[in-house]
Amino acid sequence: MAEQKLKRSIGPFTALAMVMGTVIGGGVFFKIASVTAATHSVSLTLLAWVVAGILTICGGLTVAELGAAIPETGGSVQYMRHTYGPLSGFLLGWSEMLIYVPANMAALAIIFATQVVILLHLSTSLVVPIAIVVVVTITCLNLLGAKVGGTVQSLTLIFKLIPVFLIVIVGLFMPGHVDVTFFPVTPTDHSNVITAFSGGLLATMFAYEGWINVGDIAGEMKNPKRDIPKAVVLGLTFIMIIYVLVNWVFLKNMPISQIAGNPNTAAEVAGKLFGNLGGKLVTIGILVSVFGTINGYTMTGARIPYALAKQDLLPFSNLFQRLNRAAAPFVASLFILLIAIIMIFLGSFDLLTDMLVFVMWIFNCLLFLAVFILRKKEPLLERPYRVLWYPIVPAIAILGGLFIVVTTLINQTGLAFAGLGITVIGVPVYYLHRYTTRKKAQQ
């Protein structure tokens, strides 16, 4: 759809709700297991959540300048194209459709299935089949049209917030079983502090993923130049506070040795706070929340290959841009679904989330750097919003992003190269498709 045909109907509250609704999902409930397994320290665990929040807010403040100056539908893809050229925008879209979206769907489906197995006392061999059923079901719902997918998203948004607020409010006022302190910092297993903290930080970053997607709807916002910065900053600040409080409650009610590597931490803490039945009800609320988050990625993810195909940037673009009778991009949806199913078979929750965080933060660093580049190359570009405390805030965002990227390369080299490999494959695909398109045009 052409930019000028988009209806500008989204206000500041909806933009704020999108940031919070997209970001708050399964990460806050289930990443505590991998964070504590990496840090082996209560203080490092809490510090990881705080630092991750600060880095994300700095990133949000920085990219908000791009969003206000370039308020186009497509968000970060358009910022990349504007700054670095069409190939960079294509590679971001390519990595989103091959890694970011399907890895999110697969990872969340795995954790959803794991919780169902635990809740219903089923065999662990059913985790993969249940995960596949979940992504297939959600994809089928979205193939019925955007209205159906949007309705599912609206209904699950309520359930997304209920378990969060219940755990925080009740957990803060009820006496805990463990003393939560910020000292000592040293991990209980005597591992290296920097290695432990970097592992915990990488794990927490998944819980903050999704904030940048608010730029994708800039073309449909009433006042994107004003509302994007507000939505990102206010939404992420509130989310960071919620995340720290939720994890404080977890650490307050269970010893760190019982949390580390335990995917059922949220359910067990809920049981301690609300009793057996209440704990199960909260767990069901968490499952509905995760279901809604998968739906959100499924709904928006199919639009990525569809949008690339509309610009004839993909092989078989004529197929990817096809819509069914419900005006849903069904070939693009089935393509994303297929990759998600493959990832369910190949990866675990932590493996998939770490890979998508690594790849996306490479592009995030380029986006942060774009603010410096455009300030120099295009000083006359209208900037209704300028990043606060420039250049300190964007510099912090870049340094934090580089820390995540470099430590992942060092500590999880195989995972990092797998993500890089999939991304780099997009380069020959891009140029080969351009070459074949030109040949056809000349014939």
Protein backbone atom coordinates (compact mmCIF):
# COMPACT_ATOMS: atom_id res chain seq x y z
CA MET A 1 0.00 0.00 0.00
CA ALA A 2 1.34 3.42 -0.92
CA GLU A 3 2.42 5.63 1.94
CA GLN A 4 -0.09 8.37 1.06
CA LYS A 5 -3.00 5.90 1.27
CA LEU A 6 -2.31 4.89 4.84
CA LYS A 7 -4.81 6.28 7.31
CA ARG A 8 -3.18 8.23 10.14
CA SER A 9 -5.37 7.04 12.99
CA ILE A 10 -2.90 5.91 15.68
CA GLY A 11 -2.51 8.21 18.67
CA PRO A 12 0.05 8.38 21.49
CA PHE A 13 -1.74 5.91 23.79
CA THR A 14 -1.96 3.25 21.07
CA ALA A 15 1.72 3.74 20.26
CA LEU A 16 2.58 3.35 23.97
CA ALA A 17 0.38 0.24 24.18
CA MET A 18 2.16 -1.22 21.15
CA VAL A 19 5.59 -0.78 22.75
CA MET A 20 4.48 -2.37 26.01
CA GLY A 21 2.28 -5.02 24.40
CA THR A 22 5.04 -6.16 22.03
CA VAL A 23 7.87 -6.14 24.57
CA ILE A 24 6.10 -7.72 27.56
CA GLY A 25 5.76 -11.38 26.71
CA GLY A 26 7.45 -14.60 27.76
CA GLY A 27 10.90 -13.21 28.50
CA VAL A 28 10.08 -11.63 31.85
CA PHE A 29 8.71 -14.94 33.17
CA PHE A 30 11.14 -17.45 31.72
CA LYS A 31 14.51 -15.75 31.14
CA ILE A 32 15.21 -15.66 34.90
CA ALA A 33 16.26 -19.32 34.62
CA SER A 34 19.01 -18.63 32.06
CA VAL A 35 20.04 -15.31 33.63
CA THR A 36 20.69 -16.89 37.03
CA ALA A 37 22.33 -19.92 35.39
CA ALA A 38 24.81 -17.51 33.80
CA THR A 39 25.40 -15.18 36.77
CA HIS A 40 25.08 -17.49 39.81
CA SER A 41 24.57 -14.26 41.72
CA VAL A 42 21.48 -12.42 42.98
CA SER A 43 23.18 -9.03 42.64
CA LEU A 44 24.50 -9.71 39.12
CA THR A 45 21.05 -10.97 38.09
CA LEU A 46 19.32 -7.77 39.21
CA LEU A 47 22.15 -5.68 37.76
CA ALA A 48 21.75 -7.42 34.40
CA TRP A 49 18.04 -6.50 34.27
CA VAL A 50 18.79 -2.88 35.21
CA VAL A 51 21.68 -2.46 32.75
CA ALA A 52 19.69 -4.13 29.97
CA GLY A 53 16.86 -1.69 30.64
CA ILE A 54 19.18 1.32 30.62
CA LEU A 55 20.84 0.18 27.36
CA THR A 56 17.43 -0.35 25.78
CA ILE A 57 16.22 3.08 26.91
CA CYS A 58 19.41 4.68 25.51
CA GLY A 59 18.81 2.76 22.28
CA GLY A 60 15.19 3.86 22.24
CA LEU A 61 16.10 7.52 22.81
CA THR A 62 18.64 7.29 19.99
CA VAL A 63 16.48 5.53 17.39
CA ALA A 64 13.56 7.83 18.30
CA GLU A 65 15.50 10.65 16.59
CA LEU A 66 15.54 8.59 13.39
CA GLY A 67 11.86 7.76 13.80
CA ALA A 68 10.91 11.42 14.19
CA ALA A 69 13.12 12.57 11.30
CA ILE A 70 12.15 9.69 8.96
CA PRO A 71 8.53 8.88 9.93
CA GLU A 72 7.93 6.26 7.27
CA THR A 73 6.17 2.91 7.45
CA GLY A 74 8.80 0.21 7.64
CA GLY A 75 10.59 1.77 10.58
CA SER A 76 14.14 0.53 11.03
CA VAL A 77 14.34 -0.84 7.47
CA GLN A 78 13.69 2.67 6.16
CA TYR A 79 16.25 4.19 8.55
CA MET A 80 18.87 1.72 7.28
CA ARG A 81 18.02 2.41 3.62
CA HIS A 82 18.13 6.17 4.16
CA THR A 83 21.54 6.04 5.86
CA TYR A 84 23.43 3.15 4.29
CA GLY A 85 21.60 2.39 1.04
CA PRO A 86 19.11 -0.21 -0.23
CA LEU A 87 21.27 -3.29 0.45
CA SER A 88 21.40 -2.56 4.19
CA GLY A 89 17.62 -2.18 4.38
CA PHE A 90 17.19 -5.44 2.49
CA LEU A 91 19.58 -7.31 4.80
CA LEU A 92 17.70 -6.11 7.87
CA GLY A 93 14.40 -7.26 6.36
CA TRP A 94 16.07 -10.51 5.25
CA SER A 95 17.41 -11.26 8.75
CA GLU A 96 14.06 -10.36 10.30
CA MET A 97 12.15 -12.81 8.12
CA LEU A 98 14.72 -15.63 8.37
CA ILE A 99 15.89 -15.22 11.97
CA TYR A 100 14.16 -12.62 14.10
CA VAL A 101 10.47 -13.43 13.55
CA PRO A 102 10.60 -17.24 13.16
CA ALA A 103 13.12 -17.56 16.04
CA ASN A 104 10.80 -15.55 18.27
CA MET A 105 7.84 -17.70 17.25
CA ALA A 106 9.78 -20.94 17.75
CA ALA A 107 11.34 -19.93 21.08
CA LEU A 108 8.06 -18.75 22.56
CA ALA A 109 6.22 -21.82 21.24
CA ILE A 110 8.81 -24.06 22.92
CA ILE A 111 8.39 -22.30 26.26
CA PHE A 112 4.59 -22.37 25.85
CA ALA A 113 4.67 -26.11 25.19
CA THR A 114 7.06 -26.71 28.09
CA GLN A 115 4.71 -24.95 30.50
CA VAL A 116 1.70 -26.89 29.19
CA VAL A 117 3.59 -30.15 29.75
CA ILE A 118 4.48 -29.12 33.31
CA LEU A 119 1.00 -27.79 34.10
CA LEU A 120 -0.79 -30.90 32.85
CA HIS A 121 1.92 -33.38 33.93
CA LEU A 122 2.43 -34.66 30.38
CA SER A 123 5.42 -36.40 28.83
CA THR A 124 8.30 -34.11 27.83
CA SER A 125 8.28 -35.85 24.43
CA LEU A 126 5.17 -33.78 23.64
CA VAL A 127 6.96 -30.43 23.84
CA VAL A 128 7.86 -30.30 20.13
CA PRO A 129 4.44 -31.50 18.85
CA ILE A 130 2.61 -29.01 21.09
CA ALA A 131 4.92 -26.18 20.00
CA ILE A 132 4.23 -26.99 16.33
CA VAL A 133 0.46 -27.13 16.94
CA VAL A 134 0.63 -23.69 18.57
CA VAL A 135 2.45 -21.94 15.69
CA VAL A 136 0.26 -23.68 13.09
CA THR A 137 -2.93 -22.69 14.95
CA ILE A 138 -1.87 -19.05 15.30
CA THR A 139 -0.83 -18.86 11.64
CA CYS A 140 -4.21 -20.29 10.57
CA LEU A 141 -5.99 -17.69 12.71
CA ASN A 142 -4.04 -14.91 11.02
CA LEU A 143 -4.81 -16.35 7.59
CA LEU A 144 -8.44 -15.53 8.35
CA GLY A 145 -7.50 -11.87 8.10
CA ALA A 146 -5.98 -9.00 10.03
CA LYS A 147 -9.24 -8.45 11.91
CA VAL A 148 -9.09 -11.93 13.45
CA GLY A 149 -5.40 -11.59 14.31
CA GLY A 150 -6.02 -8.17 15.79
CA THR A 151 -8.89 -9.47 17.90
CA VAL A 152 -6.68 -12.23 19.31
CA GLN A 153 -4.02 -9.61 20.08
CA SER A 154 -6.50 -7.35 21.87
CA LEU A 155 -7.94 -10.15 24.00
CA THR A 156 -4.57 -11.52 25.05
CA LEU A 157 -3.24 -8.04 25.92
CA ILE A 158 -5.40 -8.03 29.06
CA PHE A 159 -4.11 -11.43 30.15
CA LYS A 160 -0.58 -10.25 29.38
CA LEU A 161 -0.68 -7.67 32.16
CA ILE A 162 -2.75 -9.50 34.79
CA PRO A 163 -0.10 -12.06 35.87
CA VAL A 164 2.60 -9.37 35.84
CA PHE A 165 0.73 -7.06 38.19
CA LEU A 166 -0.48 -9.89 40.42
CA ILE A 167 3.05 -11.23 40.93
CA VAL A 168 4.50 -7.76 41.56
CA ILE A 169 1.79 -6.44 43.90
CA VAL A 170 1.35 -9.59 45.98
CA GLY A 171 5.02 -10.57 45.86
CA LEU A 172 6.31 -7.24 47.13
CA PHE A 173 4.05 -7.18 50.19
CA MET A 174 4.19 -10.85 51.19
CA PRO A 175 7.19 -11.92 53.29
CA GLY A 176 9.80 -13.74 51.25
CA HIS A 177 11.86 -16.84 51.91
CA VAL A 178 15.21 -15.45 50.75
CA ASP A 179 17.13 -12.26 51.59
CA VAL A 180 17.76 -10.29 48.40
CA THR A 181 20.92 -8.17 48.56
CA PHE A 182 23.11 -6.41 46.03
CA PHE A 183 26.28 -7.79 47.63
CA PRO A 184 28.38 -9.82 47.22
CA VAL A 185 28.74 -9.49 43.44
CA THR A 186 30.96 -12.58 43.09
CA PRO A 187 29.14 -15.57 41.52
CA THR A 188 28.56 -18.48 43.89
CA ASP A 189 30.36 -20.85 41.50
CA HIS A 190 33.44 -18.54 41.56
CA SER A 191 33.31 -17.99 37.79
CA ASN A 192 34.66 -14.86 36.12
CA VAL A 193 32.47 -11.84 36.99
CA ILE A 194 32.62 -10.29 33.50
CA THR A 195 31.79 -13.60 31.78
CA ALA A 196 28.95 -14.26 34.21
CA PHE A 197 27.50 -10.77 33.82
CA SER A 198 27.79 -10.74 30.00
CA GLY A 199 25.94 -14.08 29.81
CA GLY A 200 23.20 -12.74 32.08
CA LEU A 201 22.97 -9.48 30.11
CA LEU A 202 22.59 -11.29 26.78
CA ALA A 203 19.80 -13.42 28.26
CA THR A 204 17.89 -10.41 29.60
CA MET A 205 18.02 -8.54 26.28
CA PHE A 206 15.49 -10.95 24.77
CA ALA A 207 12.88 -9.79 27.30
CA TYR A 208 13.29 -6.21 26.01
CA GLU A 209 13.01 -7.15 22.32
CA GLY A 210 10.23 -5.60 20.22
CA TRP A 211 10.51 -1.93 21.21
CA ILE A 212 11.86 -0.86 17.84
CA ASN A 213 8.77 -2.15 16.00
CA VAL A 214 6.80 0.98 16.89
CA GLY A 215 8.57 2.65 13.96
CA ASP A 216 6.91 0.20 11.57
CA ILE A 217 3.58 2.00 12.00
CA ALA A 218 4.96 5.54 11.74
CA GLY A 219 3.06 6.09 8.49
CA GLU A 220 -0.23 5.42 10.30
CA MET A 221 0.41 7.62 13.37
CA LYS A 222 -1.29 10.98 13.77
CA ASN A 223 1.87 12.70 15.00
CA PRO A 224 4.84 10.31 14.71
CA LYS A 225 7.41 13.05 15.25
CA ARG A 226 6.02 13.70 18.71
CA ASP A 227 4.55 10.34 19.70
CA ILE A 228 7.34 7.88 18.74
CA PRO A 229 9.89 9.30 21.22
CA LYS A 230 7.29 9.47 24.00
CA ALA A 231 6.03 5.94 23.40
CA VAL A 232 9.52 4.44 23.35
CA VAL A 233 10.92 6.27 26.37
CA LEU A 234 7.86 6.06 28.65
CA GLY A 235 7.08 2.48 27.63
CA LEU A 236 10.62 1.17 28.13
CA THR A 237 11.09 2.97 31.44
CA PHE A 238 7.90 1.45 32.82
CA ILE A 239 8.84 -1.98 31.45
CA MET A 240 12.29 -1.87 33.08
CA ILE A 241 10.72 -1.06 36.47
CA ILE A 242 8.23 -3.93 36.07
CA TYR A 243 10.95 -6.39 35.01
CA VAL A 244 13.21 -5.55 37.95
CA LEU A 245 10.30 -5.88 40.38
CA VAL A 246 9.14 -9.22 38.93
CA ASN A 247 12.64 -10.66 39.19
CA TRP A 248 13.03 -9.24 42.69
CA VAL A 249 9.91 -11.21 43.65
CA PHE A 250 11.29 -14.39 42.05
CA LEU A 251 14.63 -14.05 43.87
CA LYS A 252 12.85 -13.18 47.11
CA ASN A 253 10.80 -16.38 47.08
CA MET A 254 13.25 -18.99 45.76
CA PRO A 255 16.97 -19.63 46.34
CA ILE A 256 19.04 -18.83 43.27
CA SER A 257 20.23 -22.45 43.13
CA GLN A 258 16.61 -23.53 42.56
CA ILE A 259 15.96 -20.84 39.93
CA ALA A 260 19.05 -21.41 37.76
CA GLY A 261 18.06 -23.49 34.74
CA ASN A 262 14.52 -23.98 36.07
CA PRO A 263 11.96 -23.11 33.33
CA ASN A 264 9.13 -23.55 35.84
CA THR A 265 10.27 -20.72 38.16
CA ALA A 266 7.30 -18.45 37.39
CA ALA A 267 4.78 -21.22 38.09
CA GLU A 268 6.50 -22.29 41.32
CA VAL A 269 6.68 -18.72 42.65
CA ALA A 270 3.04 -18.20 41.68
CA GLY A 271 2.20 -21.33 43.68
CA LYS A 272 4.03 -19.94 46.72
CA LEU A 273 2.20 -16.61 46.43
CA PHE A 274 -1.31 -17.74 45.55
CA GLY A 275 -1.49 -21.39 46.58
CA ASN A 276 -1.79 -24.40 44.29
CA LEU A 277 -4.98 -23.39 42.47
CA GLY A 278 -4.08 -19.72 42.31
CA GLY A 279 -0.63 -20.59 41.02
CA LYS A 280 -2.14 -22.66 38.21
CA LEU A 281 -4.50 -19.83 37.26
CA VAL A 282 -1.60 -17.37 37.10
CA THR A 283 0.33 -19.88 34.99
CA ILE A 284 -2.62 -20.09 32.59
CA GLY A 285 -2.58 -16.29 32.41
CA ILE A 286 1.11 -16.42 31.55
CA LEU A 287 0.40 -18.99 28.81
CA VAL A 288 -2.26 -16.73 27.31
CA SER A 289 0.26 -13.89 27.43
CA VAL A 290 2.85 -15.96 25.56
CA PHE A 291 0.18 -17.05 23.05
CA GLY A 292 -0.61 -13.40 22.39
CA THR A 293 3.06 -12.53 21.90
CA ILE A 294 3.47 -15.34 19.36
CA ASN A 295 0.36 -13.99 17.61
CA GLY A 296 1.89 -10.52 17.47
CA TYR A 297 5.08 -11.77 15.81
CA THR A 298 3.07 -13.98 13.43
CA MET A 299 0.81 -11.10 12.46
CA THR A 300 3.58 -8.57 11.79
CA GLY A 301 6.20 -11.06 10.62
CA ALA A 302 4.32 -12.14 7.52
CA ARG A 303 4.26 -8.52 6.37
CA ILE A 304 8.08 -8.45 6.11
CA PRO A 305 8.53 -10.81 3.12
CA TYR A 306 5.28 -9.41 1.69
CA ALA A 307 6.67 -5.84 1.82
CA LEU A 308 10.00 -6.92 0.32
CA ALA A 309 8.14 -8.77 -2.42
CA LYS A 310 6.00 -5.71 -3.21
CA GLN A 311 9.28 -3.90 -3.96
CA ASP A 312 10.41 -6.94 -6.02
CA LEU A 313 13.42 -7.49 -3.75
CA LEU A 314 12.96 -11.24 -3.24
CA PRO A 315 13.16 -14.25 -5.51
CA PHE A 316 9.61 -15.42 -6.28
CA SER A 317 8.27 -11.98 -5.32
CA ASN A 318 5.13 -12.69 -7.34
CA LEU A 319 4.32 -15.52 -4.90
CA PHE A 320 5.23 -13.73 -1.66
CA GLN A 321 2.95 -10.80 -2.42
CA ARG A 322 -0.12 -12.94 -3.00
CA LEU A 323 -3.11 -12.37 -0.71
CA ASN A 324 -5.90 -14.82 0.07
CA ARG A 325 -9.61 -13.94 0.14
CA ALA A 326 -9.20 -12.53 3.65
CA ALA A 327 -6.49 -10.16 2.34
CA ALA A 328 -3.81 -12.01 4.31
CA PRO A 329 -0.37 -12.64 2.75
CA PHE A 330 -0.75 -16.41 2.85
CA VAL A 331 2.44 -17.47 1.00
CA ALA A 332 4.56 -15.18 3.20
CA SER A 333 2.75 -16.50 6.29
CA LEU A 334 3.36 -20.13 5.34
CA PHE A 335 7.02 -19.37 4.59
CA ILE A 336 7.55 -17.86 8.06
CA LEU A 337 5.66 -20.80 9.59
CA LEU A 338 7.89 -23.34 7.84
CA ILE A 339 11.08 -21.69 9.14
CA ALA A 340 9.60 -21.50 12.66
CA ILE A 341 8.81 -25.22 12.59
CA ILE A 342 12.36 -26.04 11.45
CA MET A 343 13.72 -23.92 14.31
CA ILE A 344 11.47 -25.72 16.80
CA PHE A 345 13.12 -29.00 15.78
CA LEU A 346 16.66 -27.59 15.77
CA GLY A 347 16.85 -25.22 18.73
CA SER A 348 16.08 -24.65 22.38
CA PHE A 349 14.45 -21.56 23.87
CA ASP A 350 17.74 -20.03 25.03
CA LEU A 351 19.66 -20.94 21.87
CA LEU A 352 17.09 -19.32 19.59
CA THR A 353 16.64 -16.19 21.69
CA ASP A 354 20.40 -15.63 22.06
CA MET A 355 20.87 -15.93 18.28
CA LEU A 356 18.11 -13.46 17.44
CA VAL A 357 19.37 -10.97 20.06
CA PHE A 358 22.91 -11.19 18.64
CA VAL A 359 21.85 -10.59 15.03
CA MET A 360 19.41 -7.79 15.85
CA TRP A 361 21.93 -5.93 18.00
CA ILE A 362 24.36 -5.80 15.08
CA PHE A 363 21.72 -3.84 13.17
CA ASN A 364 20.83 -1.86 16.29
CA CYS A 365 24.45 -0.67 16.55
CA LEU A 366 24.30 0.46 12.91
CA LEU A 367 21.08 2.35 13.66
CA PHE A 368 22.67 4.08 16.66
CA LEU A 369 25.65 5.01 14.49
CA ALA A 370 23.25 6.37 11.85
CA VAL A 371 22.34 9.25 14.19
CA PHE A 372 25.98 10.45 14.12
CA ILE A 373 26.25 9.92 10.35
CA LEU A 374 23.06 11.80 9.51
CA ARG A 375 23.89 14.66 11.89
CA LYS A 376 27.05 15.20 9.82
CA LYS A 377 25.77 14.35 6.31
CA GLU A 378 22.33 15.94 6.59
CA PRO A 379 22.52 18.76 9.15
CA LEU A 380 19.46 20.44 7.61
CA LEU A 381 17.25 17.34 7.96
CA GLU A 382 14.23 18.31 10.04
CA ARG A 383 14.60 16.78 13.50
CA PRO A 384 11.53 17.56 15.63
CA TYR A 385 13.10 15.39 18.31
CA ARG A 386 16.82 15.24 19.05
CA VAL A 387 18.24 12.55 21.27
CA LEU A 388 18.72 13.78 24.82
CA TRP A 389 22.28 14.39 26.05
CA TYR A 390 23.82 13.84 22.61
CA PRO A 391 26.41 12.38 22.05
CA ILE A 392 26.53 10.60 25.44
CA VAL A 393 23.28 8.63 25.15
CA PRO A 394 23.89 7.24 21.63
CA ALA A 395 27.51 6.50 22.60
CA ILE A 396 26.28 4.45 25.57
CA ALA A 397 23.85 2.62 23.28
CA ILE A 398 26.65 1.79 20.81
CA LEU A 399 29.08 0.66 23.52
CA GLY A 400 26.40 -1.51 25.12
CA GLY A 401 25.48 -3.03 21.77
CA LEU A 402 29.12 -3.74 20.92
CA PHE A 403 29.57 -5.37 24.33
CA ILE A 404 26.67 -7.74 23.58
CA VAL A 405 27.94 -8.52 20.07
CA VAL A 406 31.60 -9.05 21.04
CA THR A 407 30.91 -11.16 24.15
CA THR A 408 28.54 -13.35 22.10
CA LEU A 409 31.25 -13.83 19.47
CA ILE A 410 33.70 -14.86 22.20
CA ASN A 411 31.45 -16.98 24.40
CA GLN A 412 29.01 -18.42 21.81
CA THR A 413 31.06 -18.43 18.63
CA GLY A 414 29.10 -21.14 16.83
CA LEU A 415 25.76 -19.46 17.51
CA ALA A 416 27.13 -16.08 16.41
CA PHE A 417 28.50 -17.41 13.12
CA ALA A 418 25.24 -19.24 12.41
CA GLY A 419 23.34 -15.97 12.73
CA LEU A 420 25.93 -14.07 10.71
CA GLY A 421 25.96 -16.76 8.03
CA ILE A 422 22.20 -16.60 7.49
CA THR A 423 22.39 -12.80 7.30
CA VAL A 424 25.33 -12.70 4.87
CA ILE A 425 23.61 -15.15 2.50
CA GLY A 426 21.26 -12.27 1.79
CA VAL A 427 24.04 -10.37 -0.08
CA PRO A 428 24.33 -12.73 -3.08
CA VAL A 429 20.56 -13.24 -3.04
CA TYR A 430 20.06 -9.48 -3.32
CA TYR A 431 22.51 -8.98 -6.18
CA LEU A 432 21.52 -12.16 -8.04
CA HIS A 433 17.87 -11.15 -7.94
CA ARG A 434 18.73 -7.62 -9.16
CA TYR A 435 20.74 -9.14 -12.02
CA THR A 436 17.98 -11.53 -13.11
CA THR A 437 15.37 -8.76 -12.86
CA ARG A 438 17.43 -6.51 -15.13
CA LYS A 439 17.93 -9.35 -17.62
CA LYS A 440 14.17 -9.96 -17.79
CA ALA A 441 13.53 -6.24 -18.26
CA GLN A 442 15.98 -6.13 -21.19
CA GLN A 443 14.37 -9.08 -22.98
